[in-house]
Amino acid sequence: MHNESISKMGGRIRKQRERLGMTREEFSCQIDISPQFLAEIENGKKGMSYVTLYKICDRFNISADYILMGRERTNNVPTLASDILSNIPDEYLPMVEDVLKSFVQVIATAKSKRDNKI
């Protein structure tokens, strides 16, 4: 992979880590790499495996397309939802999940009723 691409990917990862308000230690711990290796990735000194890329995308809800190519999402709902959910204490998450499932069900029911009237 071209060094410029590696450098840009590292910069995008740093940007997302900082957006999340996380230190290198906190971020790297979440994806099972060392803070030193994360620093090398962020500074464009080293590339990463697809496993590390997957862990970053999965754990922090970051698009691989964004990290690899710099393409931003056009829909900010996943990012907004992720930002909100990341601030909820873990013990509340099962209740939040129940509320969200109920909310989706209400929306689906309302849509179905509206579609049947048309």
PDB file of N, CA and C in Angstrom:
ATOM      1  N   MET A   1       0.846  -1.181   0.000  1.00  0.00           N
ATOM      2  CA  MET A   1       0.000   0.000   0.000  1.00  0.00           C
ATOM      3  C   MET A   1       0.889   1.241   0.000  1.00  0.00           C
ATOM      4  N   HIS A   2       0.488   2.233  -0.699  1.00  0.00           N
ATOM      5  CA  HIS A   2       1.252   3.469  -0.833  1.00  0.00           C
ATOM      6  C   HIS A   2       1.348   4.185   0.515  1.00  0.00           C
ATOM      7  N   ASN A   3       2.532   4.743   0.829  1.00  0.00           N
ATOM      8  CA  ASN A   3       2.756   5.413   2.117  1.00  0.00           C
ATOM      9  C   ASN A   3       1.790   6.558   2.364  1.00  0.00           C
ATOM     10  N   GLU A   4       1.449   7.300   1.307  1.00  0.00           N
ATOM     11  CA  GLU A   4       0.512   8.420   1.468  1.00  0.00           C
ATOM     12  C   GLU A   4      -0.861   7.915   1.903  1.00  0.00           C
ATOM     13  N   SER A   5      -1.293   6.786   1.355  1.00  0.00           N
ATOM     14  CA  SER A   5      -2.578   6.199   1.737  1.00  0.00           C
ATOM     15  C   SER A   5      -2.563   5.754   3.191  1.00  0.00           C
ATOM     16  N   ILE A   6      -1.469   5.129   3.601  1.00  0.00           N
ATOM     17  CA  ILE A   6      -1.338   4.684   4.991  1.00  0.00           C
ATOM     18  C   ILE A   6      -1.385   5.883   5.925  1.00  0.00           C
ATOM     19  N   SER A   7      -0.713   6.944   5.550  1.00  0.00           N
ATOM     20  CA  SER A   7      -0.700   8.159   6.363  1.00  0.00           C
ATOM     21  C   SER A   7      -2.097   8.765   6.483  1.00  0.00           C
ATOM     22  N   LYS A   8      -2.832   8.806   5.374  1.00  0.00           N
ATOM     23  CA  LYS A   8      -4.190   9.360   5.399  1.00  0.00           C
ATOM     24  C   LYS A   8      -5.124   8.499   6.244  1.00  0.00           C
ATOM     25  N   MET A   9      -4.992   7.170   6.118  1.00  0.00           N
ATOM     26  CA  MET A   9      -5.825   6.283   6.931  1.00  0.00           C
ATOM     27  C   MET A   9      -5.534   6.498   8.411  1.00  0.00           C
ATOM     28  N   GLY A  10      -4.268   6.591   8.748  1.00  0.00           N
ATOM     29  CA  GLY A  10      -3.889   6.832  10.138  1.00  0.00           C
ATOM     30  C   GLY A  10      -4.460   8.135  10.664  1.00  0.00           C
ATOM     31  N   GLY A  11      -4.428   9.164   9.839  1.00  0.00           N
ATOM     32  CA  GLY A  11      -4.992  10.455  10.232  1.00  0.00           C
ATOM     33  C   GLY A  11      -6.488  10.380  10.473  1.00  0.00           C
ATOM     34  N   ARG A  12      -7.180   9.593   9.637  1.00  0.00           N
ATOM     35  CA  ARG A  12      -8.631   9.448   9.827  1.00  0.00           C
ATOM     36  C   ARG A  12      -8.939   8.671  11.105  1.00  0.00           C
ATOM     37  N   ILE A  13      -8.115   7.676  11.415  1.00  0.00           N
ATOM     38  CA  ILE A  13      -8.313   6.932  12.664  1.00  0.00           C
ATOM     39  C   ILE A  13      -8.079   7.853  13.854  1.00  0.00           C
ATOM     40  N   ARG A  14      -7.022   8.650  13.806  1.00  0.00           N
ATOM     41  CA  ARG A  14      -6.749   9.602  14.887  1.00  0.00           C
ATOM     42  C   ARG A  14      -7.931  10.568  15.056  1.00  0.00           C
ATOM     43  N   LYS A  15      -8.430  11.078  13.952  1.00  0.00           N
ATOM     44  CA  LYS A  15      -9.551  12.020  13.987  1.00  0.00           C
ATOM     45  C   LYS A  15     -10.763  11.396  14.684  1.00  0.00           C
ATOM     46  N   GLN A  16     -11.054  10.146  14.359  1.00  0.00           N
ATOM     47  CA  GLN A  16     -12.201   9.481  14.978  1.00  0.00           C
ATOM     48  C   GLN A  16     -11.948   9.206  16.461  1.00  0.00           C
ATOM     49  N   ARG A  17     -10.738   8.810  16.799  1.00  0.00           N
ATOM     50  CA  ARG A  17     -10.403   8.573  18.214  1.00  0.00           C
ATOM     51  C   ARG A  17     -10.578   9.853  19.014  1.00  0.00           C
ATOM     52  N   GLU A  18     -10.092  10.955  18.468  1.00  0.00           N
ATOM     53  CA  GLU A  18     -10.215  12.242  19.159  1.00  0.00           C
ATOM     54  C   GLU A  18     -11.671  12.691  19.231  1.00  0.00           C
ATOM     55  N   ARG A  19     -12.446  12.417  18.170  1.00  0.00           N
ATOM     56  CA  ARG A  19     -13.871  12.744  18.179  1.00  0.00           C
ATOM     57  C   ARG A  19     -14.582  11.992  19.303  1.00  0.00           C
ATOM     58  N   LEU A  20     -14.130  10.770  19.556  1.00  0.00           N
ATOM     59  CA  LEU A  20     -14.710   9.964  20.630  1.00  0.00           C
ATOM     60  C   LEU A  20     -14.197  10.381  22.007  1.00  0.00           C
ATOM     61  N   GLY A  21     -13.213  11.267  22.034  1.00  0.00           N
ATOM     62  CA  GLY A  21     -12.658  11.730  23.305  1.00  0.00           C
ATOM     63  C   GLY A  21     -11.847  10.670  24.022  1.00  0.00           C
ATOM     64  N   MET A  22     -11.199   9.800  23.257  1.00  0.00           N
ATOM     65  CA  MET A  22     -10.448   8.696  23.847  1.00  0.00           C
ATOM     66  C   MET A  22      -8.949   8.926  23.720  1.00  0.00           C
ATOM     67  N   THR A  23      -8.226   8.434  24.714  1.00  0.00           N
ATOM     68  CA  THR A  23      -6.767   8.432  24.639  1.00  0.00           C
ATOM     69  C   THR A  23      -6.339   7.258  23.756  1.00  0.00           C
ATOM     70  N   ARG A  24      -5.089   7.259  23.364  1.00  0.00           N
ATOM     71  CA  ARG A  24      -4.574   6.117  22.595  1.00  0.00           C
ATOM     72  C   ARG A  24      -4.673   4.836  23.423  1.00  0.00           C
ATOM     73  N   GLU A  25      -4.420   4.958  24.710  1.00  0.00           N
ATOM     74  CA  GLU A  25      -4.474   3.786  25.583  1.00  0.00           C
ATOM     75  C   GLU A  25      -5.882   3.206  25.614  1.00  0.00           C
ATOM     76  N   GLU A  26      -6.878   4.065  25.776  1.00  0.00           N
ATOM     77  CA  GLU A  26      -8.270   3.603  25.837  1.00  0.00           C
ATOM     78  C   GLU A  26      -8.694   2.972  24.511  1.00  0.00           C
ATOM     79  N   PHE A  27      -8.393   3.651  23.425  1.00  0.00           N
ATOM     80  CA  PHE A  27      -8.786   3.185  22.095  1.00  0.00           C
ATOM     81  C   PHE A  27      -8.113   1.859  21.769  1.00  0.00           C
ATOM     82  N   SER A  28      -6.801   1.791  21.979  1.00  0.00           N
ATOM     83  CA  SER A  28      -6.051   0.582  21.626  1.00  0.00           C
ATOM     84  C   SER A  28      -6.480  -0.614  22.472  1.00  0.00           C
ATOM     85  N   CYS A  29      -6.821  -0.372  23.724  1.00  0.00           N
ATOM     86  CA  CYS A  29      -7.284  -1.452  24.604  1.00  0.00           C
ATOM     87  C   CYS A  29      -8.563  -2.084  24.054  1.00  0.00           C
ATOM     88  N   GLN A  30      -9.434  -1.264  23.491  1.00  0.00           N
ATOM     89  CA  GLN A  30     -10.711  -1.745  22.955  1.00  0.00           C
ATOM     90  C   GLN A  30     -10.539  -2.650  21.731  1.00  0.00           C
ATOM     91  N   ILE A  31      -9.420  -2.519  21.038  1.00  0.00           N
ATOM     92  CA  ILE A  31      -9.212  -3.308  19.816  1.00  0.00           C
ATOM     93  C   ILE A  31      -8.010  -4.254  19.928  1.00  0.00           C
ATOM     94  N   ASP A  32      -7.528  -4.426  21.140  1.00  0.00           N
ATOM     95  CA  ASP A  32      -6.467  -5.404  21.430  1.00  0.00           C
ATOM     96  C   ASP A  32      -5.166  -5.167  20.662  1.00  0.00           C
ATOM     97  N   ILE A  33      -4.744  -3.898  20.607  1.00  0.00           N
ATOM     98  CA  ILE A  33      -3.411  -3.589  20.085  1.00  0.00           C
ATOM     99  C   ILE A  33      -2.724  -2.691  21.108  1.00  0.00           C
ATOM    100  N   SER A  34      -1.432  -2.525  20.979  1.00  0.00           N
ATOM    101  CA  SER A  34      -0.705  -1.682  21.931  1.00  0.00           C
ATOM    102  C   SER A  34      -0.879  -0.207  21.569  1.00  0.00           C
ATOM    103  N   PRO A  35      -0.799   0.675  22.566  1.00  0.00           N
ATOM    104  CA  PRO A  35      -0.850   2.116  22.276  1.00  0.00           C
ATOM    105  C   PRO A  35       0.264   2.537  21.315  1.00  0.00           C
ATOM    106  N   GLN A  36       1.427   1.908  21.425  1.00  0.00           N
ATOM    107  CA  GLN A  36       2.551   2.216  20.530  1.00  0.00           C
ATOM    108  C   GLN A  36       2.201   1.883  19.086  1.00  0.00           C
ATOM    109  N   PHE A  37       1.590   0.714  18.868  1.00  0.00           N
ATOM    110  CA  PHE A  37       1.207   0.328  17.512  1.00  0.00           C
ATOM    111  C   PHE A  37       0.142   1.280  16.973  1.00  0.00           C
ATOM    112  N   LEU A  38      -0.812   1.670  17.815  1.00  0.00           N
ATOM    113  CA  LEU A  38      -1.827   2.636  17.388  1.00  0.00           C
ATOM    114  C   LEU A  38      -1.166   3.950  16.983  1.00  0.00           C
ATOM    115  N   ALA A  39      -0.197   4.406  17.756  1.00  0.00           N
ATOM    116  CA  ALA A  39       0.518   5.644  17.419  1.00  0.00           C
ATOM    117  C   ALA A  39       1.208   5.510  16.061  1.00  0.00           C
ATOM    118  N   GLU A  40       1.805   4.352  15.807  1.00  0.00           N
ATOM    119  CA  GLU A  40       2.474   4.134  14.519  1.00  0.00           C
ATOM    120  C   GLU A  40       1.476   4.126  13.363  1.00  0.00           C
ATOM    121  N   ILE A  41       0.292   3.559  13.599  1.00  0.00           N
ATOM    122  CA  ILE A  41      -0.762   3.583  12.577  1.00  0.00           C
ATOM    123  C   ILE A  41      -1.209   5.019  12.335  1.00  0.00           C
ATOM    124  N   GLU A  42      -1.519   5.734  13.423  1.00  0.00           N
ATOM    125  CA  GLU A  42      -2.008   7.109  13.304  1.00  0.00           C
ATOM    126  C   GLU A  42      -0.996   8.030  12.627  1.00  0.00           C
ATOM    127  N   ASN A  43       0.270   7.774  12.857  1.00  0.00           N
ATOM    128  CA  ASN A  43       1.324   8.615  12.276  1.00  0.00           C
ATOM    129  C   ASN A  43       1.770   8.148  10.889  1.00  0.00           C
ATOM    130  N   GLY A  44       1.106   7.109  10.364  1.00  0.00           N
ATOM    131  CA  GLY A  44       1.418   6.633   9.019  1.00  0.00           C
ATOM    132  C   GLY A  44       2.715   5.873   8.913  1.00  0.00           C
ATOM    133  N   LYS A  45       3.248   5.425  10.043  1.00  0.00           N
ATOM    134  CA  LYS A  45       4.512   4.692  10.027  1.00  0.00           C
ATOM    135  C   LYS A  45       4.300   3.208   9.739  1.00  0.00           C
ATOM    136  N   LYS A  46       3.115   2.691  10.087  1.00  0.00           N
ATOM    137  CA  LYS A  46       2.803   1.281   9.852  1.00  0.00           C
ATOM    138  C   LYS A  46       1.369   1.163   9.355  1.00  0.00           C
ATOM    139  N   GLY A  47       1.162   0.113   8.560  1.00  0.00           N
ATOM    140  CA  GLY A  47      -0.182  -0.236   8.138  1.00  0.00           C
ATOM    141  C   GLY A  47      -0.801  -1.166   9.163  1.00  0.00           C
ATOM    142  N   MET A  48      -2.000  -1.615   8.880  1.00  0.00           N
ATOM    143  CA  MET A  48      -2.678  -2.522   9.808  1.00  0.00           C
ATOM    144  C   MET A  48      -3.272  -3.688   9.036  1.00  0.00           C
ATOM    145  N   SER A  49      -3.541  -4.755   9.748  1.00  0.00           N
ATOM    146  CA  SER A  49      -4.163  -5.924   9.134  1.00  0.00           C
ATOM    147  C   SER A  49      -5.654  -5.664   8.950  1.00  0.00           C
ATOM    148  N   TYR A  50      -6.270  -6.499   8.119  1.00  0.00           N
ATOM    149  CA  TYR A  50      -7.714  -6.375   7.955  1.00  0.00           C
ATOM    150  C   TYR A  50      -8.433  -6.698   9.260  1.00  0.00           C
ATOM    151  N   VAL A  51      -7.842  -7.526  10.111  1.00  0.00           N
ATOM    152  CA  VAL A  51      -8.445  -7.845  11.408  1.00  0.00           C
ATOM    153  C   VAL A  51      -8.493  -6.592  12.280  1.00  0.00           C
ATOM    154  N   THR A  52      -7.413  -5.839  12.314  1.00  0.00           N
ATOM    155  CA  THR A  52      -7.387  -4.594  13.092  1.00  0.00           C
ATOM    156  C   THR A  52      -8.371  -3.591  12.513  1.00  0.00           C
ATOM    157  N   LEU A  53      -8.418  -3.474  11.202  1.00  0.00           N
ATOM    158  CA  LEU A  53      -9.383  -2.578  10.561  1.00  0.00           C
ATOM    159  C   LEU A  53     -10.807  -2.980  10.938  1.00  0.00           C
ATOM    160  N   TYR A  54     -11.093  -4.273  10.876  1.00  0.00           N
ATOM    161  CA  TYR A  54     -12.421  -4.770  11.235  1.00  0.00           C
ATOM    162  C   TYR A  54     -12.764  -4.418  12.682  1.00  0.00           C
ATOM    163  N   LYS A  55     -11.820  -4.636  13.588  1.00  0.00           N
ATOM    164  CA  LYS A  55     -12.072  -4.336  15.000  1.00  0.00           C
ATOM    165  C   LYS A  55     -12.380  -2.858  15.207  1.00  0.00           C
ATOM    166  N   ILE A  56     -11.635  -1.990  14.538  1.00  0.00           N
ATOM    167  CA  ILE A  56     -11.873  -0.548  14.658  1.00  0.00           C
ATOM    168  C   ILE A  56     -13.272  -0.206  14.156  1.00  0.00           C
ATOM    169  N   CYS A  57     -13.606  -0.711  12.983  1.00  0.00           N
ATOM    170  CA  CYS A  57     -14.913  -0.409  12.391  1.00  0.00           C
ATOM    171  C   CYS A  57     -16.049  -0.952  13.246  1.00  0.00           C
ATOM    172  N   ASP A  58     -15.909  -2.191  13.687  1.00  0.00           N
ATOM    173  CA  ASP A  58     -16.965  -2.837  14.462  1.00  0.00           C
ATOM    174  C   ASP A  58     -17.133  -2.208  15.837  1.00  0.00           C
ATOM    175  N   ARG A  59     -16.048  -2.020  16.546  1.00  0.00           N
ATOM    176  CA  ARG A  59     -16.124  -1.514  17.921  1.00  0.00           C
ATOM    177  C   ARG A  59     -16.587  -0.066  17.988  1.00  0.00           C
ATOM    178  N   PHE A  60     -16.173   0.750  17.031  1.00  0.00           N
ATOM    179  CA  PHE A  60     -16.457   2.184  17.120  1.00  0.00           C
ATOM    180  C   PHE A  60     -17.454   2.667  16.072  1.00  0.00           C
ATOM    181  N   ASN A  61     -18.083   1.721  15.365  1.00  0.00           N
ATOM    182  CA  ASN A  61     -19.087   2.054  14.352  1.00  0.00           C
ATOM    183  C   ASN A  61     -18.546   3.083  13.354  1.00  0.00           C
ATOM    184  N   ILE A  62     -17.368   2.798  12.854  1.00  0.00           N
ATOM    185  CA  ILE A  62     -16.728   3.656  11.859  1.00  0.00           C
ATOM    186  C   ILE A  62     -16.736   2.901  10.534  1.00  0.00           C
ATOM    187  N   SER A  63     -17.101   3.558   9.478  1.00  0.00           N
ATOM    188  CA  SER A  63     -17.156   2.943   8.160  1.00  0.00           C
ATOM    189  C   SER A  63     -15.749   2.620   7.650  1.00  0.00           C
ATOM    190  N   ALA A  64     -15.569   1.393   7.175  1.00  0.00           N
ATOM    191  CA  ALA A  64     -14.285   1.027   6.562  1.00  0.00           C
ATOM    192  C   ALA A  64     -14.042   1.886   5.326  1.00  0.00           C
ATOM    193  N   ASP A  65     -15.111   2.251   4.645  1.00  0.00           N
ATOM    194  CA  ASP A  65     -14.994   3.120   3.475  1.00  0.00           C
ATOM    195  C   ASP A  65     -14.395   4.468   3.877  1.00  0.00           C
ATOM    196  N   TYR A  66     -14.784   4.954   5.049  1.00  0.00           N
ATOM    197  CA  TYR A  66     -14.228   6.219   5.529  1.00  0.00           C
ATOM    198  C   TYR A  66     -12.734   6.061   5.838  1.00  0.00           C
ATOM    199  N   ILE A  67     -12.378   5.007   6.571  1.00  0.00           N
ATOM    200  CA  ILE A  67     -10.971   4.826   6.941  1.00  0.00           C
ATOM    201  C   ILE A  67     -10.103   4.617   5.699  1.00  0.00           C
ATOM    202  N   LEU A  68     -10.554   3.768   4.795  1.00  0.00           N
ATOM    203  CA  LEU A  68      -9.744   3.434   3.625  1.00  0.00           C
ATOM    204  C   LEU A  68      -9.714   4.529   2.567  1.00  0.00           C
ATOM    205  N   MET A  69     -10.870   5.137   2.307  1.00  0.00           N
ATOM    206  CA  MET A  69     -10.980   6.062   1.179  1.00  0.00           C
ATOM    207  C   MET A  69     -11.315   7.499   1.571  1.00  0.00           C
ATOM    208  N   GLY A  70     -11.684   7.705   2.832  1.00  0.00           N
ATOM    209  CA  GLY A  70     -12.036   9.053   3.272  1.00  0.00           C
ATOM    210  C   GLY A  70     -13.451   9.458   2.922  1.00  0.00           C
ATOM    211  N   ARG A  71     -14.275   8.508   2.515  1.00  0.00           N
ATOM    212  CA  ARG A  71     -15.657   8.808   2.142  1.00  0.00           C
ATOM    213  C   ARG A  71     -16.517   8.880   3.389  1.00  0.00           C
ATOM    214  N   GLU A  72     -17.088  10.053   3.604  1.00  0.00           N
ATOM    215  CA  GLU A  72     -17.967  10.267   4.757  1.00  0.00           C
ATOM    216  C   GLU A  72     -19.331   9.655   4.483  1.00  0.00           C
ATOM    217  N   ARG A  73     -20.010   9.258   5.537  1.00  0.00           N
ATOM    218  CA  ARG A  73     -21.394   8.815   5.407  1.00  0.00           C
ATOM    219  C   ARG A  73     -22.264  10.011   5.079  1.00  0.00           C
ATOM    220  N   THR A  74     -23.252   9.783   4.254  1.00  0.00           N
ATOM    221  CA  THR A  74     -24.186  10.864   3.957  1.00  0.00           C
ATOM    222  C   THR A  74     -25.301  10.896   4.985  1.00  0.00           C
ATOM    223  N   ASN A  75     -25.484   9.821   5.707  1.00  0.00           N
ATOM    224  CA  ASN A  75     -26.529   9.739   6.720  1.00  0.00           C
ATOM    225  C   ASN A  75     -25.845   9.701   8.079  1.00  0.00           C
ATOM    226  N   ASN A  76     -26.063  10.700   8.899  1.00  0.00           N
ATOM    227  CA  ASN A  76     -25.392  10.783  10.193  1.00  0.00           C
ATOM    228  C   ASN A  76     -26.140  10.090  11.317  1.00  0.00           C
ATOM    229  N   VAL A  77     -27.249   9.409  11.007  1.00  0.00           N
ATOM    230  CA  VAL A  77     -28.017   8.740  12.052  1.00  0.00           C
ATOM    231  C   VAL A  77     -27.175   7.697  12.780  1.00  0.00           C
ATOM    232  N   PRO A  78     -26.440   6.807  12.080  1.00  0.00           N
ATOM    233  CA  PRO A  78     -25.627   5.843  12.825  1.00  0.00           C
ATOM    234  C   PRO A  78     -24.599   6.513  13.736  1.00  0.00           C
ATOM    235  N   THR A  79     -23.981   7.570  13.261  1.00  0.00           N
ATOM    236  CA  THR A  79     -22.991   8.272  14.072  1.00  0.00           C
ATOM    237  C   THR A  79     -23.655   8.940  15.264  1.00  0.00           C
ATOM    238  N   LEU A  80     -24.785   9.592  15.037  1.00  0.00           N
ATOM    239  CA  LEU A  80     -25.514  10.244  16.120  1.00  0.00           C
ATOM    240  C   LEU A  80     -25.958   9.219  17.154  1.00  0.00           C
ATOM    241  N   ALA A  81     -26.537   8.117  16.688  1.00  0.00           N
ATOM    242  CA  ALA A  81     -26.988   7.071  17.604  1.00  0.00           C
ATOM    243  C   ALA A  81     -25.815   6.502  18.392  1.00  0.00           C
ATOM    244  N   SER A  82     -24.708   6.277  17.717  1.00  0.00           N
ATOM    245  CA  SER A  82     -23.521   5.751  18.389  1.00  0.00           C
ATOM    246  C   SER A  82     -23.016   6.716  19.455  1.00  0.00           C
ATOM    247  N   ASP A  83     -22.990   8.002  19.122  1.00  0.00           N
ATOM    248  CA  ASP A  83     -22.539   9.006  20.091  1.00  0.00           C
ATOM    249  C   ASP A  83     -23.434   9.016  21.323  1.00  0.00           C
ATOM    250  N   ILE A  84     -24.742   8.935  21.104  1.00  0.00           N
ATOM    251  CA  ILE A  84     -25.688   8.940  22.228  1.00  0.00           C
ATOM    252  C   ILE A  84     -25.518   7.674  23.061  1.00  0.00           C
ATOM    253  N   LEU A  85     -25.487   6.529  22.395  1.00  0.00           N
ATOM    254  CA  LEU A  85     -25.403   5.255  23.109  1.00  0.00           C
ATOM    255  C   LEU A  85     -24.084   5.087  23.851  1.00  0.00           C
ATOM    256  N   SER A  86     -23.022   5.684  23.346  1.00  0.00           N
ATOM    257  CA  SER A  86     -21.725   5.523  24.008  1.00  0.00           C
ATOM    258  C   SER A  86     -21.678   6.216  25.362  1.00  0.00           C
ATOM    259  N   ASN A  87     -22.627   7.109  25.622  1.00  0.00           N
ATOM    260  CA  ASN A  87     -22.657   7.821  26.904  1.00  0.00           C
ATOM    261  C   ASN A  87     -23.624   7.214  27.908  1.00  0.00           C
ATOM    262  N   ILE A  88     -24.279   6.123  27.541  1.00  0.00           N
ATOM    263  CA  ILE A  88     -25.238   5.473  28.436  1.00  0.00           C
ATOM    264  C   ILE A  88     -24.502   4.431  29.277  1.00  0.00           C
ATOM    265  N   PRO A  89     -24.723   4.452  30.593  1.00  0.00           N
ATOM    266  CA  PRO A  89     -24.085   3.440  31.448  1.00  0.00           C
ATOM    267  C   PRO A  89     -24.478   2.023  31.013  1.00  0.00           C
ATOM    268  N   ASP A  90     -23.543   1.103  31.108  1.00  0.00           N
ATOM    269  CA  ASP A  90     -23.764  -0.275  30.653  1.00  0.00           C
ATOM    270  C   ASP A  90     -24.996  -0.921  31.265  1.00  0.00           C
ATOM    271  N   GLU A  91     -25.281  -0.619  32.526  1.00  0.00           N
ATOM    272  CA  GLU A  91     -26.419  -1.272  33.177  1.00  0.00           C
ATOM    273  C   GLU A  91     -27.761  -0.844  32.578  1.00  0.00           C
ATOM    274  N   TYR A  92     -27.782   0.276  31.840  1.00  0.00           N
ATOM    275  CA  TYR A  92     -29.021   0.749  31.208  1.00  0.00           C
ATOM    276  C   TYR A  92     -29.201   0.203  29.797  1.00  0.00           C
ATOM    277  N   LEU A  93     -28.172  -0.360  29.213  1.00  0.00           N
ATOM    278  CA  LEU A  93     -28.233  -0.774  27.814  1.00  0.00           C
ATOM    279  C   LEU A  93     -29.333  -1.793  27.508  1.00  0.00           C
ATOM    280  N   PRO A  94     -29.583  -2.802  28.370  1.00  0.00           N
ATOM    281  CA  PRO A  94     -30.701  -3.709  28.066  1.00  0.00           C
ATOM    282  C   PRO A  94     -32.047  -2.978  28.002  1.00  0.00           C
ATOM    283  N   MET A  95     -32.256  -2.005  28.883  1.00  0.00           N
ATOM    284  CA  MET A  95     -33.505  -1.239  28.850  1.00  0.00           C
ATOM    285  C   MET A  95     -33.579  -0.379  27.597  1.00  0.00           C
ATOM    286  N   VAL A  96     -32.466   0.217  27.219  1.00  0.00           N
ATOM    287  CA  VAL A  96     -32.427   1.043  26.005  1.00  0.00           C
ATOM    288  C   VAL A  96     -32.738   0.180  24.787  1.00  0.00           C
ATOM    289  N   GLU A  97     -32.187  -1.024  24.756  1.00  0.00           N
ATOM    290  CA  GLU A  97     -32.459  -1.935  23.644  1.00  0.00           C
ATOM    291  C   GLU A  97     -33.949  -2.257  23.559  1.00  0.00           C
ATOM    292  N   ASP A  98     -34.586  -2.524  24.712  1.00  0.00           N
ATOM    293  CA  ASP A  98     -36.027  -2.799  24.729  1.00  0.00           C
ATOM    294  C   ASP A  98     -36.831  -1.608  24.218  1.00  0.00           C
ATOM    295  N   VAL A  99     -36.459  -0.407  24.660  1.00  0.00           N
ATOM    296  CA  VAL A  99     -37.162   0.805  24.223  1.00  0.00           C
ATOM    297  C   VAL A  99     -37.007   0.993  22.713  1.00  0.00           C
ATOM    298  N   LEU A 100     -35.800   0.801  22.205  1.00  0.00           N
ATOM    299  CA  LEU A 100     -35.568   0.964  20.768  1.00  0.00           C
ATOM    300  C   LEU A 100     -36.349  -0.060  19.949  1.00  0.00           C
ATOM    301  N   LYS A 101     -36.395  -1.308  20.415  1.00  0.00           N
ATOM    302  CA  LYS A 101     -37.174  -2.333  19.709  1.00  0.00           C
ATOM    303  C   LYS A 101     -38.650  -1.950  19.684  1.00  0.00           C
ATOM    304  N   SER A 102     -39.162  -1.465  20.818  1.00  0.00           N
ATOM    305  CA  SER A 102     -40.559  -1.027  20.877  1.00  0.00           C
ATOM    306  C   SER A 102     -40.798   0.141  19.932  1.00  0.00           C
ATOM    307  N   PHE A 103     -39.870   1.077  19.901  1.00  0.00           N
ATOM    308  CA  PHE A 103     -39.982   2.246  19.034  1.00  0.00           C
ATOM    309  C   PHE A 103     -40.035   1.828  17.563  1.00  0.00           C
ATOM    310  N   VAL A 104     -39.168   0.919  17.171  1.00  0.00           N
ATOM    311  CA  VAL A 104     -39.151   0.438  15.785  1.00  0.00           C
ATOM    312  C   VAL A 104     -40.466  -0.258  15.456  1.00  0.00           C
ATOM    313  N   GLN A 105     -40.989  -1.021  16.403  1.00  0.00           N
ATOM    314  CA  GLN A 105     -42.261  -1.715  16.190  1.00  0.00           C
ATOM    315  C   GLN A 105     -43.405  -0.714  16.008  1.00  0.00           C
ATOM    316  N   VAL A 106     -43.437   0.344  16.809  1.00  0.00           N
ATOM    317  CA  VAL A 106     -44.465   1.380  16.681  1.00  0.00           C
ATOM    318  C   VAL A 106     -44.363   2.052  15.313  1.00  0.00           C
ATOM    319  N   ILE A 107     -43.156   2.357  14.880  1.00  0.00           N
ATOM    320  CA  ILE A 107     -42.966   2.988  13.570  1.00  0.00           C
ATOM    321  C   ILE A 107     -43.444   2.059  12.453  1.00  0.00           C
ATOM    322  N   ALA A 108     -43.103   0.787  12.543  1.00  0.00           N
ATOM    323  CA  ALA A 108     -43.518  -0.172  11.516  1.00  0.00           C
ATOM    324  C   ALA A 108     -45.035  -0.298  11.473  1.00  0.00           C
ATOM    325  N   THR A 109     -45.675  -0.319  12.638  1.00  0.00           N
ATOM    326  CA  THR A 109     -47.138  -0.396  12.702  1.00  0.00           C
ATOM    327  C   THR A 109     -47.772   0.846  12.095  1.00  0.00           C
ATOM    328  N   ALA A 110     -47.260   2.014  12.436  1.00  0.00           N
ATOM    329  CA  ALA A 110     -47.786   3.270  11.893  1.00  0.00           C
ATOM    330  C   ALA A 110     -47.609   3.316  10.378  1.00  0.00           C
ATOM    331  N   LYS A 111     -46.472   2.870   9.891  1.00  0.00           N
ATOM    332  CA  LYS A 111     -46.228   2.860   8.442  1.00  0.00           C
ATOM    333  C   LYS A 111     -47.194   1.913   7.755  1.00  0.00           C
ATOM    334  N   SER A 112     -47.405   0.751   8.346  1.00  0.00           N
ATOM    335  CA  SER A 112     -48.320  -0.228   7.769  1.00  0.00           C
ATOM    336  C   SER A 112     -49.739   0.330   7.694  1.00  0.00           C
ATOM    337  N   LYS A 113     -50.175   0.998   8.757  1.00  0.00           N
ATOM    338  CA  LYS A 113     -51.516   1.596   8.767  1.00  0.00           C
ATOM    339  C   LYS A 113     -51.620   2.684   7.709  1.00  0.00           C
ATOM    340  N   ARG A 114     -50.589   3.502   7.599  1.00  0.00           N
ATOM    341  CA  ARG A 114     -50.590   4.579   6.608  1.00  0.00           C
ATOM    342  C   ARG A 114     -50.608   4.006   5.195  1.00  0.00           C
ATOM    343  N   ASP A 115     -49.817   2.967   4.954  1.00  0.00           N
ATOM    344  CA  ASP A 115     -49.761   2.355   3.626  1.00  0.00           C
ATOM    345  C   ASP A 115     -51.097   1.724   3.241  1.00  0.00           C
ATOM    346  N   ASN A 116     -51.814   1.188   4.214  1.00  0.00           N
ATOM    347  CA  ASN A 116     -53.110   0.560   3.941  1.00  0.00           C
ATOM    348  C   ASN A 116     -54.190   1.586   3.630  1.00  0.00           C
ATOM    349  N   LYS A 117     -54.021   2.827   4.081  1.00  0.00           N
ATOM    350  CA  LYS A 117     -54.991   3.891   3.815  1.00  0.00           C
ATOM    351  C   LYS A 117     -54.823   4.463   2.420  1.00  0.00           C
ATOM    352  N   ILE A 118     -53.629   4.318   1.877  1.00  0.00           N
ATOM    353  CA  ILE A 118     -53.338   4.928   0.569  1.00  0.00           C
ATOM    354  C   ILE A 118     -53.917   4.113  -0.555  1.00  0.00           C
TER     355      ILE A 118
END
